[in-house]
Protein backbone atom coordinates (compact mmCIF):
# COMPACT_ATOMS: atom_id res chain seq x y z
CA MET A 1 -8.24 -21.62 -6.57
CA LEU A 2 -8.66 -19.08 -9.31
CA TYR A 3 -12.30 -18.85 -8.61
CA SER A 4 -11.60 -18.13 -4.91
CA VAL A 5 -9.07 -15.43 -5.80
CA LEU A 6 -11.59 -13.72 -7.87
CA SER A 7 -14.24 -13.92 -5.47
CA THR A 8 -11.98 -12.33 -2.90
CA LEU A 9 -11.02 -9.60 -5.29
CA LEU A 10 -14.88 -8.80 -5.67
CA GLN A 11 -15.64 -9.14 -2.14
CA VAL A 12 -12.71 -7.48 -0.50
CA ILE A 13 -10.41 -5.54 -3.03
CA VAL A 14 -13.22 -4.01 -4.95
CA PRO A 15 -14.91 -2.35 -2.20
CA ILE A 16 -11.59 -1.14 -0.80
CA SER A 17 -10.69 0.21 -4.10
CA ILE A 18 -13.77 2.33 -4.83
CA PRO A 19 -12.72 5.05 -2.16
CA VAL A 20 -9.20 4.68 -3.20
CA ILE A 21 -9.88 5.42 -6.70
CA SER A 22 -12.21 8.22 -5.67
CA GLY A 23 -9.38 9.90 -3.77
CA ALA A 24 -6.96 9.63 -6.36
CA LEU A 25 -9.50 11.06 -8.84
CA LEU A 26 -10.29 14.10 -6.59
CA LYS A 27 -6.62 14.69 -6.15
CA ARG A 28 -5.76 14.40 -9.86
CA PHE A 29 -8.55 16.54 -11.04
CA GLN A 30 -9.84 18.58 -8.08
CA GLY A 31 -6.47 19.02 -6.19
CA LEU A 32 -7.76 17.55 -3.07
CA ASP A 33 -6.06 18.88 -0.07
CA THR A 34 -5.56 15.83 2.24
CA ARG A 35 -4.28 17.81 5.22
CA PRO A 36 -7.61 18.56 6.57
CA LEU A 37 -8.62 15.02 6.14
CA VAL A 38 -5.67 13.59 7.81
CA THR A 39 -6.24 15.89 10.76
CA LEU A 40 -9.96 14.64 10.94
CA TYR A 41 -8.81 11.05 10.70
CA LEU A 42 -6.04 11.28 13.15
CA TYR A 43 -7.88 13.19 15.81
CA PHE A 44 -11.34 12.15 15.54
CA LEU A 45 -12.22 9.07 13.36
CA SER A 46 -9.26 7.01 14.31
CA PRO A 47 -9.86 7.60 18.13
CA ALA A 48 -13.44 6.82 17.74
CA LEU A 49 -12.62 3.53 15.98
CA ILE A 50 -10.03 2.50 18.56
CA LEU A 51 -12.40 3.35 21.48
CA GLU A 52 -15.26 1.38 20.01
CA THR A 53 -13.39 -1.57 18.92
CA LEU A 54 -11.22 -2.14 21.96
CA ALA A 55 -14.10 -1.45 24.41
CA LYS A 56 -16.28 -4.32 22.61
CA ALA A 57 -13.34 -6.34 21.22
CA ASP A 58 -13.41 -10.24 21.77
CA ILE A 59 -9.75 -10.38 22.75
CA SER A 60 -7.84 -12.20 25.59
CA TYR A 61 -4.73 -11.22 27.49
CA GLN A 62 -3.14 -13.95 25.62
CA ASP A 63 -4.00 -12.19 22.33
CA ILE A 64 -2.59 -8.92 23.87
CA TYR A 65 0.61 -10.53 24.84
CA GLN A 66 1.12 -12.53 21.62
CA THR A 67 0.34 -9.63 19.49
CA LEU A 68 2.83 -7.30 21.31
CA GLY A 69 5.38 -10.04 21.09
CA PHE A 70 4.96 -10.50 17.49
CA SER A 71 5.14 -6.73 16.92
CA LEU A 72 8.42 -6.37 18.55
CA LEU A 73 9.86 -9.55 17.05
CA ASN A 74 8.86 -8.88 13.54
CA LEU A 75 10.18 -5.32 13.90
CA VAL A 76 13.65 -6.50 15.10
CA LEU A 77 13.94 -9.25 12.38
CA LEU A 78 12.95 -7.02 9.46
CA TRP A 79 15.55 -4.33 10.93
CA LEU A 80 18.20 -6.88 10.59
CA VAL A 81 17.23 -7.88 7.27
CA ALA A 82 17.31 -4.22 5.92
CA VAL A 83 20.72 -3.69 7.70
CA ILE A 84 22.17 -6.83 6.28
CA ILE A 85 20.93 -5.98 2.75
CA GLY A 86 21.92 -2.34 2.98
CA ARG A 87 25.45 -3.16 3.79
CA LEU A 88 25.77 -6.01 1.42
CA ILE A 89 24.90 -3.62 -1.52
CA LYS A 90 26.82 -0.71 0.14
CA LEU A 91 23.90 1.88 0.42
CA PRO A 92 24.82 5.56 1.75
CA SER A 93 23.20 6.31 5.14
CA ASP A 94 20.28 8.13 3.82
CA GLU A 95 19.27 5.21 1.51
CA GLN A 96 19.97 2.81 4.59
CA ALA A 97 17.45 4.87 6.59
CA GLY A 98 15.04 4.87 3.87
CA LEU A 99 15.32 1.27 3.30
CA THR A 100 14.72 0.53 7.02
CA LEU A 101 11.67 2.63 7.09
CA VAL A 102 10.19 0.72 4.03
CA SER A 103 11.14 -2.61 5.28
CA THR A 104 9.88 -2.29 8.86
CA PHE A 105 6.59 -0.27 8.66
CA THR A 106 3.51 -1.24 6.94
CA ASN A 107 0.11 0.66 6.12
CA SER A 108 -1.71 -1.26 8.87
CA VAL A 109 -3.87 1.61 9.89
CA ASN A 110 -4.96 3.28 6.68
CA TYR A 111 -5.22 0.02 4.52
CA GLY A 112 -4.90 -2.86 6.91
CA LEU A 113 -7.97 -2.20 9.20
CA PRO A 114 -10.54 -1.95 6.42
CA LEU A 115 -8.88 -4.85 4.75
CA VAL A 116 -9.09 -7.07 7.74
CA LEU A 117 -12.65 -6.03 8.49
CA LEU A 118 -13.93 -6.99 4.92
CA ALA A 119 -11.87 -10.27 4.87
CA PHE A 120 -12.36 -11.58 8.51
CA GLY A 121 -15.23 -9.57 9.95
CA GLN A 122 -15.58 -7.91 13.40
CA LEU A 123 -13.65 -10.71 14.95
CA GLY A 124 -10.60 -10.03 12.84
CA LEU A 125 -11.09 -6.07 13.52
CA ASP A 126 -10.97 -6.89 17.10
CA LYS A 127 -7.68 -8.87 16.69
CA ALA A 128 -6.14 -6.26 14.64
CA SER A 129 -6.88 -3.30 17.07
CA VAL A 130 -4.17 -4.26 19.50
CA TYR A 131 -1.60 -4.58 16.69
CA VAL A 132 -2.42 -1.20 15.29
CA ILE A 133 -2.18 0.56 18.81
CA GLY A 134 1.41 -0.94 19.15
CA GLN A 135 2.28 0.00 15.66
CA MET A 136 1.16 3.62 16.41
CA ILE A 137 3.60 3.73 19.29
CA ILE A 138 6.34 2.10 17.40
CA VAL A 139 6.37 4.26 14.50
CA ASN A 140 6.40 7.49 16.65
CA THR A 141 9.40 6.22 18.69
CA VAL A 142 11.41 3.51 16.77
CA GLY A 143 10.39 5.07 13.55
CA VAL A 144 11.78 8.46 14.38
CA TYR A 145 14.99 6.87 15.46
CA LEU A 146 15.45 4.88 12.26
CA ALA A 147 14.70 8.01 10.24
CA ALA A 148 16.97 10.30 12.02
CA ARG A 149 19.75 8.50 13.96
CA SER A 150 21.90 11.55 14.85
CA ASN A 151 18.88 13.91 15.19
CA PHE A 152 16.95 11.49 17.42
CA SER A 153 15.71 12.97 20.78
CA MET A 154 14.07 10.29 22.96
CA LYS A 155 12.21 12.98 24.77
CA GLU A 156 10.74 14.28 21.56
CA ALA A 157 9.74 10.60 20.55
CA VAL A 158 7.92 9.85 23.62
CA LYS A 159 6.16 13.15 23.66
CA SER A 160 4.96 12.57 20.02
CA VAL A 161 3.38 9.36 21.26
CA PHE A 162 1.24 11.25 23.96
CA THR A 163 -0.06 13.69 21.15
CA LEU A 164 -1.82 10.95 19.58
CA PRO A 165 -5.49 10.87 20.67
CA SER A 166 -5.79 7.17 19.84
CA ILE A 167 -3.56 6.43 22.78
CA TYR A 168 -6.07 8.17 25.10
CA ALA A 169 -8.83 6.41 23.39
CA ALA A 170 -7.20 3.16 24.02
CA ALA A 171 -6.71 3.96 27.55
CA ALA A 172 -10.43 4.97 27.84
CA ALA A 173 -11.45 1.66 26.34
CA ILE A 174 -9.39 -0.38 28.68
CA LEU A 175 -10.83 1.52 31.72
CA LEU A 176 -14.28 0.67 30.43
CA ARG A 177 -13.33 -2.95 30.00
CA VAL A 178 -11.78 -3.26 33.47
CA THR A 179 -14.49 -1.53 35.35
CA GLY A 180 -17.51 -3.13 33.36
CA ALA A 181 -18.69 0.35 32.80
CA SER A 182 -20.41 1.62 29.48
CA LEU A 183 -20.76 4.78 27.70
CA PRO A 184 -24.04 6.67 27.61
CA ALA A 185 -26.26 5.58 24.71
CA GLY A 186 -26.04 8.90 22.87
CA ILE A 187 -22.27 9.25 23.24
CA ALA A 188 -21.71 5.58 22.16
CA GLN A 189 -24.10 6.06 19.13
CA GLY A 190 -22.18 9.01 18.16
CA ILE A 191 -18.75 7.18 18.39
CA THR A 192 -20.15 4.38 16.36
CA MET A 193 -21.11 6.73 13.47
CA ALA A 194 -17.63 8.28 13.59
CA ALA A 195 -15.98 4.71 13.59
CA ALA A 196 -18.21 3.90 10.56
CA ALA A 197 -16.83 6.77 8.52
CA TYR A 198 -13.21 5.73 9.24
CA SER A 199 -12.68 3.27 6.47
CA PRO A 200 -13.76 5.47 3.43
CA VAL A 201 -12.32 8.55 4.64
CA VAL A 202 -8.71 6.83 5.17
CA LEU A 203 -8.88 4.92 1.99
CA ALA A 204 -9.56 8.12 0.00
CA ILE A 205 -6.71 9.83 1.83
CA LEU A 206 -4.49 6.79 0.53
CA GLY A 207 -5.65 7.19 -3.00
CA ALA A 208 -4.82 10.85 -3.00
CA GLN A 209 -1.42 10.22 -1.46
CA MET A 210 -0.62 7.52 -3.98
CA VAL A 211 -1.20 10.19 -6.74
CA SER A 212 0.98 12.63 -4.97
CA VAL A 213 4.10 10.32 -4.65
CA ALA A 214 3.56 9.01 -8.37
CA GLY A 215 5.18 12.21 -9.51
CA VAL A 216 8.01 12.28 -7.23
CA PRO A 217 11.32 12.01 -9.27
CA MET A 218 13.84 9.20 -7.96
CA LYS A 219 17.54 9.92 -8.13
CA SER A 220 19.60 7.60 -10.37
CA GLY A 221 21.47 6.42 -7.48
CA SER A 222 18.50 5.36 -5.54
CA LYS A 223 17.49 2.38 -7.84
CA LYS A 224 19.34 -0.25 -5.64
CA ALA A 225 17.64 0.90 -2.51
CA PHE A 226 14.24 0.98 -4.42
CA ARG A 227 14.56 -2.54 -5.74
CA SER A 228 15.74 -3.86 -2.27
CA GLY A 229 12.75 -2.07 -0.48
CA ILE A 230 10.34 -3.82 -2.94
CA ALA A 231 11.98 -7.19 -2.57
CA ILE A 232 12.02 -7.06 1.27
CA ARG A 233 8.41 -5.72 1.58
CA MET A 234 6.78 -7.92 -0.92
CA LEU A 235 9.04 -11.13 -0.75
CA LEU A 236 10.87 -11.33 2.43
CA SER A 237 8.37 -9.69 4.92
CA PRO A 238 5.77 -12.67 4.48
CA LEU A 239 8.67 -15.18 5.22
CA VAL A 240 9.81 -13.21 8.42
CA ALA A 241 6.30 -12.81 9.47
CA LEU A 242 5.62 -16.56 9.25
CA PHE A 243 8.92 -17.34 11.19
CA ALA A 244 7.75 -14.97 14.01
CA LEU A 245 4.45 -16.38 14.22
CA TRP A 246 5.81 -19.97 14.25
CA LEU A 247 8.33 -19.11 16.96
CA LEU A 248 5.60 -17.69 19.28
CA GLN A 249 3.13 -20.41 18.48
CA ILE A 250 0.41 -18.10 17.38
CA GLU A 251 -2.54 -19.84 15.67
CA GLY A 252 -6.10 -19.31 14.55
CA VAL A 253 -7.73 -16.13 13.47
CA LEU A 254 -4.98 -14.05 15.17
CA PHE A 255 -2.46 -15.87 13.06
CA SER A 256 -4.24 -14.89 9.85
CA VAL A 257 -4.84 -11.25 10.95
CA LEU A 258 -1.16 -10.65 12.08
CA LEU A 259 0.15 -12.26 8.87
CA ILE A 260 -2.06 -10.08 6.68
CA LEU A 261 -1.03 -6.82 8.72
CA ALA A 262 2.62 -7.89 8.37
CA CYS A 263 2.36 -8.14 4.59
CA MET A 264 0.73 -4.84 4.05
CA PRO A 265 2.50 -2.45 1.57
CA ALA A 266 4.93 0.13 2.85
CA ALA A 267 3.57 2.55 5.44
CA VAL A 268 2.32 5.94 4.11
CA ASN A 269 3.72 7.99 7.16
CA ALA A 270 7.19 6.48 6.34
CA SER A 271 7.28 9.07 3.50
CA ALA A 272 6.64 11.95 6.01
CA LEU A 273 9.39 10.68 8.39
CA ALA A 274 11.70 10.25 5.47
CA GLU A 275 10.91 13.81 4.24
CA LYS A 276 11.50 15.32 7.69
CA PHE A 277 14.71 13.73 8.45
CA GLY A 278 16.11 13.35 4.87
CA ALA A 279 15.93 9.54 4.89
CA SER A 280 15.73 9.36 0.94
CA PRO A 281 12.11 10.56 0.67
CA GLN A 282 11.97 9.84 -3.16
CA THR A 283 12.95 6.15 -2.64
CA VAL A 284 10.49 5.73 0.19
CA SER A 285 7.53 7.45 -1.77
CA LYS A 286 8.18 5.16 -4.77
CA CYS A 287 8.40 1.99 -2.66
CA ILE A 288 5.08 3.13 -1.05
CA LEU A 289 3.31 3.50 -4.47
CA TRP A 290 4.45 0.36 -6.01
CA THR A 291 4.08 -1.93 -3.08
CA THR A 292 0.48 -0.54 -2.60
CA LEU A 293 -0.32 -1.48 -6.34
CA ALA A 294 1.27 -4.80 -5.97
CA SER A 295 -0.82 -5.61 -2.96
CA PHE A 296 -4.04 -5.27 -4.83
CA MET A 297 -2.91 -8.58 -6.59
CA THR A 298 -0.87 -10.32 -3.81
CA LEU A 299 -3.26 -9.92 -0.80
CA PRO A 300 -6.22 -11.55 -2.34
CA ILE A 301 -4.06 -14.72 -2.99
CA LEU A 302 -2.82 -14.52 0.80
CA ILE A 303 -6.33 -14.12 2.09
CA VAL A 304 -7.63 -17.08 0.16
CA LEU A 305 -4.67 -19.21 1.31
CA LEU A 306 -5.34 -18.19 4.91
CA LYS A 307 -9.02 -19.10 4.64
């Protein structure tokens, strides 16, 4: 068991940690501005990866139905857990909103996709692609609602979904699969090159963002929400995901991939939503940092158990 965990650390976590550490060092000593990189990742690298992966993915309609069903069921269950715990410990509304964001949304794009690729290969990445598309839609609709209840505009939320290039890349990939068509060789090669750059760039962004949130002060009254967020994301979310997977009778590689993605640390974009809508951004930022650091130890153990 110990040998397997160490082996997984060397084969999966160490490769991932190199661009993460590089991004953190560049932020710390060179003041790396991640905004242009986020734009590059969001509007170019991510659509390229989604288009290439979905167009070639070894997935069935059953995989799609089960993945979408799991995404929605897992979201509802985690939301209920966050609401119940928030009421039990009597959190104010802003802290409750922050706790809900931390509990329900994981870093499946920036961190999850590279991890799944290294741990389970191309087949794992194929299975993960559907989940990630679903998460992009959910974060930009349900996520906005959870962060800003009274300020929520359904029209704005739906509009934000259709500003994501990855949605159109997914639609193009589905069209290619349905029609049996393929892209011209030169274009396909260019998309493959862009997709290959996805992992190191987004992991460097993650490292830089971790340094940014490390210095964010936390109010004294936020400690209960912070501890609850850590407990839900690191301890309860695996149990909730296992229950949802069992209920939907999901098995095989899809089971492993979905469980890994559901157990990822808190989503980095939750911090942006919390900042924009006043959903306790300090608490959310600290939860992102500490759940990410903890995941470097917990995820190798989970991967070994799943394999």
